[in-house]
Protein backbone atom coordinates (compact mmCIF):
# COMPACT_ATOMS: atom_id res chain seq x y z
CA MET A 1 62.17 -10.97 1.28
CA PRO A 2 59.86 -8.67 -0.56
CA ALA A 3 57.28 -7.03 1.89
CA MET A 4 54.45 -7.32 -0.46
CA MET A 5 54.49 -10.90 -1.43
CA ASN A 6 51.19 -12.85 -2.41
CA VAL A 7 51.15 -15.98 -0.22
CA LEU A 8 48.58 -18.77 -0.22
CA ILE A 9 48.47 -21.04 2.91
CA VAL A 10 46.99 -24.45 2.09
CA ARG A 11 45.09 -26.06 5.05
CA THR A 12 41.82 -27.59 3.84
CA SER A 13 40.30 -29.28 6.74
CA SER A 14 39.55 -30.28 9.38
CA MET A 15 38.13 -27.60 11.86
CA GLY A 16 40.72 -28.36 14.57
CA ASP A 17 43.53 -28.43 12.18
CA LEU A 18 42.76 -24.79 10.62
CA ILE A 19 42.46 -23.50 14.27
CA HIS A 20 45.93 -25.08 14.97
CA THR A 21 47.36 -23.13 12.05
CA TRP A 22 46.15 -19.86 13.31
CA PRO A 23 49.28 -19.35 15.73
CA ALA A 24 51.40 -19.83 12.75
CA VAL A 25 49.49 -17.33 10.67
CA THR A 26 49.84 -14.78 13.65
CA ASP A 27 53.73 -15.39 13.96
CA LEU A 28 53.95 -14.85 10.13
CA LEU A 29 52.30 -11.64 10.03
CA ALA A 30 54.18 -10.44 13.13
CA HIS A 31 57.50 -10.86 11.13
CA TYR A 32 55.93 -9.74 7.75
CA PRO A 33 52.87 -7.65 8.29
CA ASN A 34 52.68 -6.63 4.72
CA LEU A 35 52.13 -10.05 3.33
CA ARG A 36 48.99 -10.34 1.24
CA LEU A 37 48.05 -13.58 2.72
CA ALA A 38 45.19 -15.97 1.31
CA TRP A 39 43.98 -19.24 2.59
CA LEU A 40 42.86 -22.36 0.49
CA ALA A 41 40.24 -24.27 2.63
CA GLU A 42 37.30 -26.91 2.33
CA GLU A 43 34.14 -24.78 1.39
CA ASN A 44 32.63 -25.99 5.08
CA PHE A 45 35.64 -24.61 6.86
CA ALA A 46 36.06 -21.43 4.91
CA ASP A 47 34.69 -19.34 7.86
CA ILE A 48 37.46 -20.62 10.13
CA ALA A 49 40.10 -19.61 7.82
CA ALA A 50 38.56 -16.25 7.30
CA LEU A 51 38.13 -15.71 11.14
CA HIS A 52 41.70 -14.61 11.35
CA PRO A 53 41.95 -11.18 10.66
CA GLY A 54 45.23 -11.32 8.81
CA VAL A 55 43.90 -13.52 6.32
CA ARG A 56 42.73 -11.34 3.49
CA ALA A 57 40.86 -13.86 1.18
CA VAL A 58 39.79 -17.20 1.35
CA ILE A 59 39.52 -19.58 -1.68
CA PRO A 60 37.04 -22.44 -1.10
CA ILE A 61 37.63 -25.81 -2.38
CA ALA A 62 34.91 -28.58 -2.31
CA TRP A 63 36.77 -31.90 -2.69
CA ARG A 64 34.88 -33.69 -0.16
CA ARG A 65 31.65 -32.76 -2.04
CA TRP A 66 33.14 -33.35 -5.63
CA ARG A 67 34.69 -36.89 -4.74
CA LYS A 68 31.38 -38.28 -4.53
CA SER A 69 30.27 -37.17 -7.89
CA LEU A 70 33.45 -37.15 -10.11
CA LEU A 71 31.54 -38.55 -13.15
CA SER A 72 29.25 -35.47 -13.03
CA PRO A 73 29.74 -32.76 -15.67
CA SER A 74 28.67 -30.10 -12.93
CA THR A 75 31.36 -31.43 -10.73
CA TRP A 76 34.06 -30.83 -13.44
CA ALA A 77 32.63 -27.53 -14.37
CA GLU A 78 33.10 -26.39 -10.73
CA MET A 79 36.65 -27.89 -10.56
CA ARG A 80 37.56 -25.73 -13.71
CA VAL A 81 36.08 -22.60 -12.01
CA PHE A 82 37.99 -23.51 -8.82
CA ARG A 83 41.21 -23.75 -10.82
CA GLU A 84 40.76 -20.53 -12.86
CA GLN A 85 40.13 -18.67 -9.52
CA LEU A 86 43.38 -20.21 -8.06
CA ARG A 87 45.38 -19.10 -11.13
CA ALA A 88 43.76 -15.51 -11.24
CA ARG A 89 46.36 -14.13 -9.06
CA HIS A 90 50.16 -14.44 -9.01
CA TRP A 91 51.43 -16.14 -6.21
CA ASP A 92 55.07 -15.55 -4.87
CA LEU A 93 54.78 -18.46 -2.75
CA VAL A 94 52.41 -21.31 -1.76
CA LEU A 95 52.90 -23.15 1.47
CA ASP A 96 51.01 -26.65 1.98
CA ALA A 97 50.63 -26.84 6.17
CA GLN A 98 48.63 -29.96 5.68
CA GLY A 99 51.12 -32.35 4.28
CA LEU A 100 48.73 -34.69 2.30
CA VAL A 101 48.31 -35.73 -1.28
CA LYS A 102 44.89 -34.03 -1.33
CA SER A 103 46.28 -30.66 -0.09
CA ALA A 104 49.61 -30.96 -2.32
CA LEU A 105 47.56 -31.25 -5.66
CA PRO A 106 45.34 -28.32 -5.60
CA ALA A 107 48.39 -26.33 -3.95
CA LYS A 108 50.55 -27.35 -7.05
CA LEU A 109 47.52 -25.96 -9.35
CA ALA A 110 48.58 -22.48 -8.29
CA ARG A 111 51.68 -22.69 -10.29
CA ALA A 112 53.95 -21.11 -7.86
CA PRO A 113 57.08 -22.37 -5.85
CA LEU A 114 55.54 -24.55 -3.50
CA ALA A 115 56.75 -25.29 0.33
CA GLY A 116 55.92 -27.99 2.82
CA TYR A 117 57.01 -30.76 5.24
CA GLY A 118 60.01 -33.31 4.27
CA TRP A 119 59.63 -36.68 3.61
CA SER A 120 59.98 -37.79 7.15
CA SER A 121 57.74 -35.30 8.68
CA ILE A 122 54.50 -36.27 7.60
CA ARG A 123 52.08 -39.15 7.72
CA GLU A 124 51.60 -39.16 3.66
CA PRO A 125 55.49 -38.87 2.62
CA LEU A 126 54.48 -38.94 -1.02
CA ALA A 127 53.08 -35.51 -0.71
CA SER A 128 56.56 -33.98 -0.47
CA LEU A 129 57.57 -35.11 -3.77
CA PHE A 130 55.19 -32.29 -5.08
CA TYR A 131 57.21 -29.58 -3.02
CA ASP A 132 59.93 -27.32 -4.41
CA LYS A 133 61.16 -26.38 -0.85
CA LYS A 134 61.00 -29.13 1.96
CA HIS A 135 61.31 -28.77 5.87
CA ARG A 136 62.07 -31.21 8.22
CA VAL A 137 59.95 -30.72 11.46
CA SER A 138 59.64 -33.27 14.35
CA ARG A 139 56.48 -35.48 14.21
CA GLN A 140 56.79 -35.59 18.04
CA LEU A 141 55.97 -31.80 18.45
CA SER A 142 52.21 -30.77 19.06
CA ALA A 143 50.11 -29.93 15.88
CA ILE A 144 50.26 -26.02 16.84
CA GLU A 145 54.10 -26.34 17.45
CA ARG A 146 54.77 -28.14 14.20
CA ASN A 147 52.84 -25.21 12.34
CA ARG A 148 54.81 -22.81 13.76
CA ARG A 149 58.01 -24.36 13.07
CA LEU A 150 56.90 -25.21 9.31
CA PHE A 151 56.04 -21.32 8.81
CA GLY A 152 59.24 -20.29 10.50
CA LEU A 153 61.43 -22.33 8.45
CA THR A 154 59.73 -21.47 5.19
CA PHE A 155 59.97 -17.78 5.98
CA GLY A 156 62.96 -17.45 7.90
CA TYR A 157 62.40 -16.73 11.31
CA GLN A 158 62.26 -18.59 14.78
CA PRO A 159 58.97 -18.79 16.64
CA GLU A 160 59.11 -17.34 20.12
CA GLY A 161 56.65 -17.36 23.02
CA ALA A 162 53.38 -18.90 23.76
CA PRO A 163 51.05 -19.64 20.71
CA ASP A 164 48.83 -16.57 19.81
CA PHE A 165 45.66 -17.60 18.01
CA GLY A 166 44.87 -13.78 16.87
CA ILE A 167 41.50 -13.93 16.80
CA HIS A 168 38.52 -12.13 18.82
CA ALA A 169 35.40 -13.89 19.61
CA GLY A 170 32.60 -11.29 18.26
CA PRO A 171 29.28 -10.40 19.88
CA ARG A 172 27.44 -12.40 22.55
CA PRO A 173 24.55 -14.33 20.58
CA ALA A 174 21.21 -12.24 20.94
CA TRP A 175 19.28 -15.19 21.63
CA LEU A 176 20.89 -15.99 24.80
CA LEU A 177 19.01 -14.75 28.15
CA PRO A 178 21.11 -12.70 30.47
CA GLY A 179 23.49 -14.42 33.02
CA ASP A 180 26.39 -16.56 33.18
CA TYR A 181 26.23 -19.87 31.20
CA ALA A 182 28.67 -22.82 30.41
CA VAL A 183 29.01 -24.43 26.85
CA LEU A 184 29.30 -28.13 27.00
CA LEU A 185 30.71 -29.56 23.71
CA HIS A 186 29.44 -32.88 24.02
CA ALA A 187 29.78 -33.78 20.21
CA THR A 188 32.78 -35.40 18.37
CA SER A 189 33.58 -37.38 15.46
CA ARG A 190 33.54 -40.92 16.83
CA ALA A 191 32.05 -42.54 19.80
CA SER A 192 35.49 -43.68 21.50
CA LYS A 193 36.07 -39.80 22.26
CA GLU A 194 32.79 -39.09 23.78
CA TRP A 195 32.28 -38.62 27.70
CA PRO A 196 29.42 -40.53 29.24
CA GLU A 197 26.02 -38.80 29.17
CA GLU A 198 25.35 -39.29 32.92
CA ARG A 199 28.49 -37.22 33.48
CA TRP A 200 27.23 -34.50 31.20
CA VAL A 201 24.30 -34.31 33.24
CA GLN A 202 25.88 -34.41 36.70
CA LEU A 203 28.44 -31.79 35.56
CA ALA A 204 25.52 -29.54 34.28
CA ASP A 205 23.35 -29.93 37.50
CA THR A 206 26.47 -29.23 39.81
CA LEU A 207 27.39 -25.96 37.87
CA ALA A 208 23.50 -24.69 38.02
CA ARG A 209 23.41 -25.75 41.87
CA GLN A 210 26.69 -24.32 42.88
CA ASP A 211 27.11 -21.29 40.42
CA GLY A 212 23.79 -20.48 38.89
CA MET A 213 25.22 -21.20 35.32
CA VAL A 214 22.72 -22.55 32.58
CA ALA A 215 24.44 -25.31 30.42
CA VAL A 216 24.29 -24.66 26.72
CA LEU A 217 24.50 -27.50 24.21
CA PRO A 218 25.60 -26.61 20.70
CA TRP A 219 25.22 -29.23 18.05
CA GLY A 220 26.18 -29.74 14.22
CA SER A 221 24.23 -32.48 12.99
CA ALA A 222 20.58 -34.38 13.30
CA LYS A 223 22.20 -37.03 15.54
CA GLU A 224 23.98 -34.53 17.79
CA LYS A 225 21.04 -32.33 18.15
CA GLU A 226 19.04 -35.32 19.30
CA ARG A 227 21.90 -36.27 21.79
CA ALA A 228 21.52 -32.25 22.98
CA GLU A 229 17.96 -32.45 23.36
CA ARG A 230 18.09 -36.09 25.26
CA LEU A 231 20.91 -34.33 27.59
CA ALA A 232 19.08 -30.99 28.03
CA ALA A 233 15.64 -32.67 29.10
CA LYS A 234 17.67 -34.44 31.86
CA MET A 235 19.31 -31.32 33.18
CA HIS A 236 17.93 -28.78 35.63
CA ALA A 237 19.23 -25.86 33.55
CA GLY A 238 20.14 -27.05 29.90
CA VAL A 239 19.48 -25.11 26.88
CA VAL A 240 19.92 -26.51 23.25
CA ALA A 241 21.58 -23.97 20.95
CA PRO A 242 20.06 -23.39 17.63
CA LYS A 243 21.85 -24.18 14.34
CA LEU A 244 25.03 -21.99 14.56
CA SER A 245 27.56 -20.94 11.97
CA LEU A 246 31.31 -21.08 12.87
CA ARG A 247 31.28 -17.40 13.39
CA GLU A 248 28.24 -17.47 15.71
CA ALA A 249 29.72 -20.43 17.68
CA ALA A 250 32.81 -18.12 18.16
CA GLY A 251 30.68 -15.75 19.93
CA LEU A 252 28.98 -18.12 21.90
CA LEU A 253 32.28 -19.56 23.16
CA GLY A 254 33.97 -16.29 23.78
CA HIS A 255 31.41 -14.97 26.28
CA ALA A 256 31.02 -18.02 28.22
CA GLU A 257 31.82 -18.34 31.95
CA ALA A 258 33.38 -21.85 31.25
CA VAL A 259 33.45 -24.28 28.53
CA VAL A 260 33.99 -28.14 28.96
CA GLY A 261 34.55 -30.03 25.76
CA VAL A 262 35.55 -33.34 24.33
CA ASP A 263 38.09 -33.79 21.45
CA THR A 264 36.46 -31.69 18.66
CA GLY A 265 36.96 -28.67 16.72
CA LEU A 266 34.88 -26.22 18.84
CA THR A 267 36.99 -27.12 21.80
CA HIS A 268 40.08 -25.75 20.12
CA MET A 269 38.32 -22.80 19.06
CA ALA A 270 37.40 -22.02 22.82
CA ASN A 271 40.87 -22.34 23.53
CA ALA A 272 41.66 -19.84 20.79
CA VAL A 273 39.25 -17.30 22.24
CA ASN A 274 40.87 -17.57 25.87
CA VAL A 275 37.85 -18.59 27.84
CA PRO A 276 38.21 -20.93 30.91
CA LEU A 277 38.42 -24.37 29.25
CA VAL A 278 38.61 -28.07 30.43
CA ALA A 279 39.21 -30.49 27.48
CA LEU A 280 38.56 -34.05 27.79
CA TYR A 281 40.22 -36.83 26.26
CA THR A 282 39.31 -40.64 26.36
CA ASP A 283 40.89 -42.03 23.09
CA THR A 284 43.66 -39.70 22.14
CA ASP A 285 47.11 -38.04 23.57
CA PRO A 286 46.37 -34.55 24.38
CA ALA A 287 50.34 -34.13 24.27
CA ARG A 288 49.76 -34.26 20.47
CA THR A 289 46.46 -32.62 19.58
CA GLY A 290 45.26 -31.14 23.02
CA VAL A 291 44.63 -27.60 23.64
CA VAL A 292 47.13 -25.24 24.65
CA GLU A 293 47.45 -25.44 28.45
CA GLY A 294 47.64 -22.54 30.54
CA PRO A 295 46.02 -20.53 33.34
CA ARG A 296 42.94 -20.84 31.54
CA ALA A 297 42.87 -23.99 29.75
CA LEU A 298 43.54 -27.52 31.04
CA ASN A 299 43.63 -31.08 29.47
CA LEU A 300 42.26 -33.92 31.29
CA GLY A 301 42.22 -37.73 30.39
CA ASN A 302 44.35 -39.69 27.75
CA ALA A 303 43.75 -42.57 25.64
CA GLY A 304 41.98 -45.12 27.67
CA GLN A 305 41.43 -42.98 30.47
CA CYS A 306 38.10 -41.25 31.35
CA PRO A 307 38.07 -38.14 33.43
CA THR A 308 35.60 -38.08 36.44
CA VAL A 309 32.92 -35.42 37.15
CA ASP A 310 34.85 -34.39 40.21
CA GLU A 311 38.21 -33.98 38.12
CA VAL A 312 36.39 -31.61 35.76
CA LEU A 313 34.81 -29.59 38.75
CA ALA A 314 38.17 -29.41 40.20
CA ALA A 315 39.94 -28.22 36.86
CA LEU A 316 37.11 -25.65 36.45
CA VAL A 317 37.83 -24.10 39.68
CA ARG A 318 41.22 -23.68 38.79
CA VAL A 319 40.76 -22.16 35.21
CA ARG A 320 37.94 -19.93 36.26
CA SER A 321 40.04 -18.66 39.18
CA ALA A 322 42.69 -17.41 36.69
CA ALA A 323 40.16 -15.57 34.41
């Protein structure tokens, strides 16, 4: 394989899915360090793609925004600019790591050999009709391992060892007061994934009393901010974070004494920056989309199972003792 290939990775959304792709990128560049690697991602997640130091360029796509105004001339103008930007560079290979029609279509616009999952390996088999090279990867594997296998099959190597996300947290946020803090990631995409509010309050108060830790509550929307403010008002030592960019969120997580989070993208980012982490699952199976477990990270719960505060505290003792 030529060492200086231009390769485009397509993984447009969402935050956790992009983070689950980082270990595959780390594997790829370990085998081919001279690849010029670019990433096609939704505009709101471009910073996630750019956080991996091996990604030389990010090409944003705004499909989520465009689809709301497809009849607008300005939308079509933006789409033409996107196509021109995509075709401005010669690509030796494009790899669609998402496996959806919405990712295969823009990937095809790059006018290069296109690789992706085979018909039986993805949720939308029609996407595989766009690919020149198709690879079979078990759907029973975790999302991270599926990505690693797809990259390995595409580029001709066997992934080995534990996943390496390959990123660094960045600086500690300047707005934080000195001292230890725990980040409580309370916000998620749907109500069925949430952890009861009274348990967040009990957890925060126990951490403040036993370990002197302040609970920091990030948020990403007006509704989540209201929830964070409501929770903080009930806690003895709760702080609502300011509006954070994804890069700033990585810094906040990376310097935490502990992180507890529900099934959301920032929980996977905490896993990537290797801080003591307990991930909570109430509506999904962590075997498929949970964090990578190890001495510093544990999954609790499952579909229809809601972890107790005592279970979370016991898990925090384990992951913090390994730090």
